[in-house]
Amino acid sequence: MELAYYSDYAVRLVNTEEPARGQDSLTSVDAVRGLFGANQSAGRRATEADVTRFRSVRGRLRAVFEAADGGDETLAVDLLNSLLLEFPVSPQISGHDYRDDDGRPLWHMHLADHPSNATAGFAAIAAMGLAFHLTEYGVDRLGLCEAPPCRNAYLDTSTNRSRRYCSDRCATRANVAAYRARKRLEADRSAATGRSAESAQPTVASAER
């Protein structure tokens, strides 16, 4: 398993809040546990105290995406490094769930956390995964959706670094909005041209007399 896979932990946490819409789904222990996905054993460690702690880490991870999206690579790296220092992990070789044709383990790297609480464990994996993604693919692969008011975080894995939206839904909504804006502009220009032609007619008539 590629270690950059763990970067999805960061995206999932950041996108529990949509500041521009005033929406926040991270309001309960169940919501915290849901972020762990298949890693249910780690999620079961969550308590009420982790709701506040998760929100704090979420703000710091969003700041990394905001810096990257704004083109400030140094700030993005500095912010991420501070998370890595505060929430360390131990890389370990693992062979669970993967077997070759002879039944032997397919060894791969795994991130093992040793947390004092659920937040520390999740933050450690999210920060390390994001760090691997950043160093492997580039800081400009961390983005925020351009379809207002969304601003959800995303990881650009396109071959030509062309991703601008967090989802197909936002991309469609943005394209429709752009199309309608173009149509309104064309209509305004057409109306302005018509008014100009009408105002010019009396002048032409006077000149002919």
Protein backbone atom coordinates (compact mmCIF):
# COMPACT_ATOMS: atom_id res chain seq x y z
CA MET A 1 0.00 0.00 0.00
CA GLU A 2 1.39 3.42 -0.95
CA LEU A 3 1.90 5.61 2.08
CA ALA A 4 0.37 8.54 0.16
CA TYR A 5 -2.91 6.62 0.50
CA TYR A 6 -3.17 7.91 4.06
CA SER A 7 -3.48 11.48 2.77
CA ASP A 8 -7.18 10.76 2.33
CA TYR A 9 -7.45 10.91 6.13
CA ALA A 10 -6.59 14.62 5.95
CA VAL A 11 -9.12 15.30 3.18
CA ARG A 12 -11.90 13.50 5.03
CA LEU A 13 -11.30 15.51 8.19
CA VAL A 14 -10.95 18.91 6.49
CA ASN A 15 -14.15 18.37 4.53
CA THR A 16 -16.28 17.80 7.61
CA GLU A 17 -16.65 21.58 7.65
CA GLU A 18 -17.82 23.99 4.95
CA PRO A 19 -17.06 27.43 6.44
CA ALA A 20 -18.67 29.43 3.63
CA ARG A 21 -21.95 27.57 4.13
CA GLY A 22 -21.72 27.57 7.91
CA GLN A 23 -21.95 23.76 7.97
CA ASP A 24 -20.07 21.44 10.32
CA SER A 25 -20.74 17.69 10.49
CA LEU A 26 -18.11 17.05 13.17
CA THR A 27 -20.47 17.40 16.12
CA SER A 28 -20.46 14.01 17.88
CA VAL A 29 -18.36 11.03 18.89
CA ASP A 30 -20.08 8.97 16.18
CA ALA A 31 -18.97 11.53 13.58
CA VAL A 32 -15.38 11.24 14.84
CA ARG A 33 -15.51 7.45 14.72
CA GLY A 34 -16.89 7.56 11.19
CA LEU A 35 -13.74 9.31 9.99
CA PHE A 36 -11.65 6.22 10.75
CA GLY A 37 -13.44 4.24 8.06
CA ALA A 38 -12.48 0.57 8.10
CA ASN A 39 -10.09 1.13 11.02
CA GLN A 40 -12.86 0.54 13.55
CA SER A 41 -10.59 -0.50 16.39
CA ALA A 42 -8.90 2.90 16.33
CA GLY A 43 -12.24 4.69 16.08
CA ARG A 44 -13.56 3.00 19.19
CA ARG A 45 -10.99 4.91 21.25
CA ALA A 46 -12.81 8.19 20.54
CA THR A 47 -14.51 10.06 23.37
CA GLU A 48 -16.42 13.34 23.68
CA ALA A 49 -13.13 15.16 24.26
CA ASP A 50 -11.95 14.11 20.81
CA VAL A 51 -14.67 16.16 19.09
CA THR A 52 -12.98 19.41 20.15
CA ARG A 53 -9.49 18.03 19.54
CA PHE A 54 -10.43 16.85 16.04
CA ARG A 55 -11.77 20.30 15.20
CA SER A 56 -8.48 21.85 16.24
CA VAL A 57 -6.47 19.49 14.01
CA ARG A 58 -8.96 20.08 11.21
CA GLY A 59 -8.24 23.82 11.26
CA ARG A 60 -4.52 23.19 11.07
CA LEU A 61 -4.87 20.78 8.16
CA ARG A 62 -7.12 23.22 6.30
CA ALA A 63 -4.41 25.85 6.75
CA VAL A 64 -1.99 23.53 4.92
CA PHE A 65 -4.40 23.23 1.98
CA GLU A 66 -5.04 26.99 1.99
CA ALA A 67 -1.32 27.75 1.86
CA ALA A 68 -0.76 25.22 -0.94
CA ASP A 69 -3.78 26.49 -2.88
CA GLY A 70 -2.49 30.05 -2.50
CA GLY A 71 0.92 29.11 -3.90
CA ASP A 72 2.84 29.49 -0.63
CA GLU A 73 4.81 26.24 -0.66
CA THR A 74 7.09 27.14 2.23
CA LEU A 75 4.18 27.94 4.54
CA ALA A 76 2.37 24.74 3.57
CA VAL A 77 5.45 22.68 4.38
CA ASP A 78 6.11 24.52 7.65
CA LEU A 79 2.53 24.00 8.81
CA LEU A 80 2.66 20.32 7.91
CA ASN A 81 6.03 19.86 9.60
CA SER A 82 4.62 21.25 12.83
CA LEU A 83 1.90 18.59 12.73
CA LEU A 84 4.45 15.85 12.01
CA LEU A 85 6.51 16.90 15.02
CA GLU A 86 3.50 17.00 17.32
CA PHE A 87 1.95 13.75 16.08
CA PRO A 88 4.72 11.27 15.16
CA VAL A 89 4.24 7.78 13.72
CA SER A 90 6.42 4.68 13.38
CA PRO A 91 6.73 3.11 9.92
CA GLN A 92 6.44 -0.68 10.16
CA ILE A 93 6.55 -3.58 7.72
CA SER A 94 3.20 -5.34 7.54
CA GLY A 95 1.79 -8.33 5.67
CA HIS A 96 -1.82 -8.43 6.77
CA ASP A 97 -4.64 -8.95 4.26
CA TYR A 98 -2.25 -9.45 1.31
CA ARG A 99 -1.01 -12.86 0.08
CA ASP A 100 0.81 -14.03 -3.04
CA ASP A 101 -0.09 -17.18 -5.02
CA ASP A 102 1.79 -19.34 -2.51
CA GLY A 103 -0.03 -17.84 0.44
CA ARG A 104 2.94 -15.87 1.67
CA PRO A 105 2.50 -12.30 2.94
CA LEU A 106 3.00 -9.49 0.47
CA TRP A 107 5.05 -7.21 2.66
CA HIS A 108 4.31 -3.49 2.54
CA MET A 109 4.91 -0.38 4.61
CA HIS A 110 2.33 0.50 7.23
CA LEU A 111 2.05 3.55 9.47
CA ALA A 112 1.73 2.53 13.10
CA ASP A 113 0.58 5.16 15.56
CA HIS A 114 1.07 5.08 19.30
CA PRO A 115 -1.48 7.65 20.42
CA SER A 116 -2.55 8.86 23.81
CA ASN A 117 -6.02 9.45 22.36
CA ALA A 118 -8.00 8.97 19.15
CA THR A 119 -7.19 12.46 17.85
CA ALA A 120 -3.44 11.91 18.15
CA GLY A 121 -3.68 8.65 16.24
CA PHE A 122 -5.77 10.08 13.42
CA ALA A 123 -3.71 13.28 13.17
CA ALA A 124 -0.45 11.33 13.00
CA ILE A 125 -1.63 9.20 10.08
CA ALA A 126 -3.30 12.12 8.28
CA ALA A 127 -0.24 14.36 8.55
CA MET A 128 2.20 11.64 7.47
CA GLY A 129 -0.01 10.61 4.55
CA LEU A 130 -0.32 14.22 3.42
CA ALA A 131 3.45 14.65 3.73
CA PHE A 132 4.10 11.64 1.50
CA HIS A 133 1.57 12.92 -1.04
CA LEU A 134 3.12 16.39 -1.03
CA THR A 135 6.69 15.18 -1.47
CA GLU A 136 5.78 12.58 -4.10
CA TYR A 137 3.43 14.65 -6.26
CA GLY A 138 4.16 18.30 -5.38
CA VAL A 139 2.62 21.01 -3.21
CA ASP A 140 0.45 22.20 -6.08
CA ARG A 141 -1.42 18.87 -5.92
CA LEU A 142 -3.14 20.06 -2.75
CA GLY A 143 -6.11 22.24 -3.63
CA LEU A 144 -9.38 23.80 -2.54
CA CYS A 145 -12.48 23.56 -4.71
CA GLU A 146 -12.97 26.59 -6.98
CA ALA A 147 -16.76 26.22 -7.11
CA PRO A 148 -18.06 28.83 -4.65
CA PRO A 149 -19.06 28.53 -1.90
CA CYS A 150 -17.69 24.97 -1.58
CA ARG A 151 -13.93 25.25 -0.87
CA ASN A 152 -13.62 21.56 0.01
CA ALA A 153 -10.11 20.15 0.03
CA TYR A 154 -8.96 17.71 -2.65
CA LEU A 155 -5.82 15.94 -3.84
CA ASP A 156 -5.06 16.38 -7.54
CA THR A 157 -4.00 13.07 -9.06
CA SER A 158 -4.67 14.07 -12.68
CA THR A 159 -1.90 13.49 -15.19
CA ASN A 160 -1.75 17.14 -16.28
CA ARG A 161 -2.33 18.84 -12.90
CA SER A 162 -5.64 20.22 -14.16
CA ARG A 163 -8.03 19.46 -11.30
CA ARG A 164 -9.90 22.49 -9.94
CA TYR A 165 -12.92 21.01 -8.18
CA CYS A 166 -13.46 18.58 -5.33
CA SER A 167 -16.10 16.52 -7.15
CA ASP A 168 -17.90 16.03 -10.45
CA ARG A 169 -20.94 17.68 -8.86
CA CYS A 170 -19.02 20.89 -8.17
CA ALA A 171 -17.38 20.80 -11.60
CA THR A 172 -20.80 20.52 -13.28
CA ARG A 173 -22.24 23.30 -11.13
CA ALA A 174 -19.30 25.59 -11.96
CA ASN A 175 -19.55 24.84 -15.69
CA VAL A 176 -23.28 25.57 -15.70
CA ALA A 177 -22.71 28.84 -13.84
CA ALA A 178 -19.97 29.84 -16.29
CA TYR A 179 -22.22 28.99 -19.26
CA ARG A 180 -25.06 31.10 -17.88
CA ALA A 181 -22.68 33.98 -17.18
CA ARG A 182 -21.46 33.86 -20.80
CA LYS A 183 -25.04 33.87 -22.08
CA ARG A 184 -25.93 36.87 -19.92
CA LEU A 185 -22.86 38.72 -21.18
CA GLU A 186 -23.74 37.93 -24.79
CA ALA A 187 -27.32 39.13 -24.21
CA ASP A 188 -26.09 42.36 -22.59
CA ARG A 189 -23.71 43.01 -25.48
CA SER A 190 -26.44 42.32 -28.02
CA ALA A 191 -28.82 44.68 -26.23
CA ALA A 192 -26.13 47.38 -26.04
CA THR A 193 -25.39 47.00 -29.75
CA GLY A 194 -29.09 47.32 -30.56
CA ARG A 195 -29.42 50.48 -28.47
CA SER A 196 -26.36 51.99 -30.17
CA ALA A 197 -27.85 51.28 -33.60
CA GLU A 198 -31.16 52.85 -32.65
CA SER A 199 -29.53 56.01 -31.26
CA ALA A 200 -27.48 56.39 -34.44
CA GLN A 201 -30.51 56.32 -36.78
CA PRO A 202 -31.81 59.90 -36.08
CA THR A 203 -28.33 61.29 -36.67
CA VAL A 204 -28.12 59.57 -40.03
CA ALA A 205 -31.57 60.80 -40.99
CA SER A 206 -30.70 64.41 -40.10
CA ALA A 207 -27.55 64.23 -42.15
CA GLU A 208 -29.49 63.03 -45.19
CA ARG A 209 -31.84 66.03 -44.96
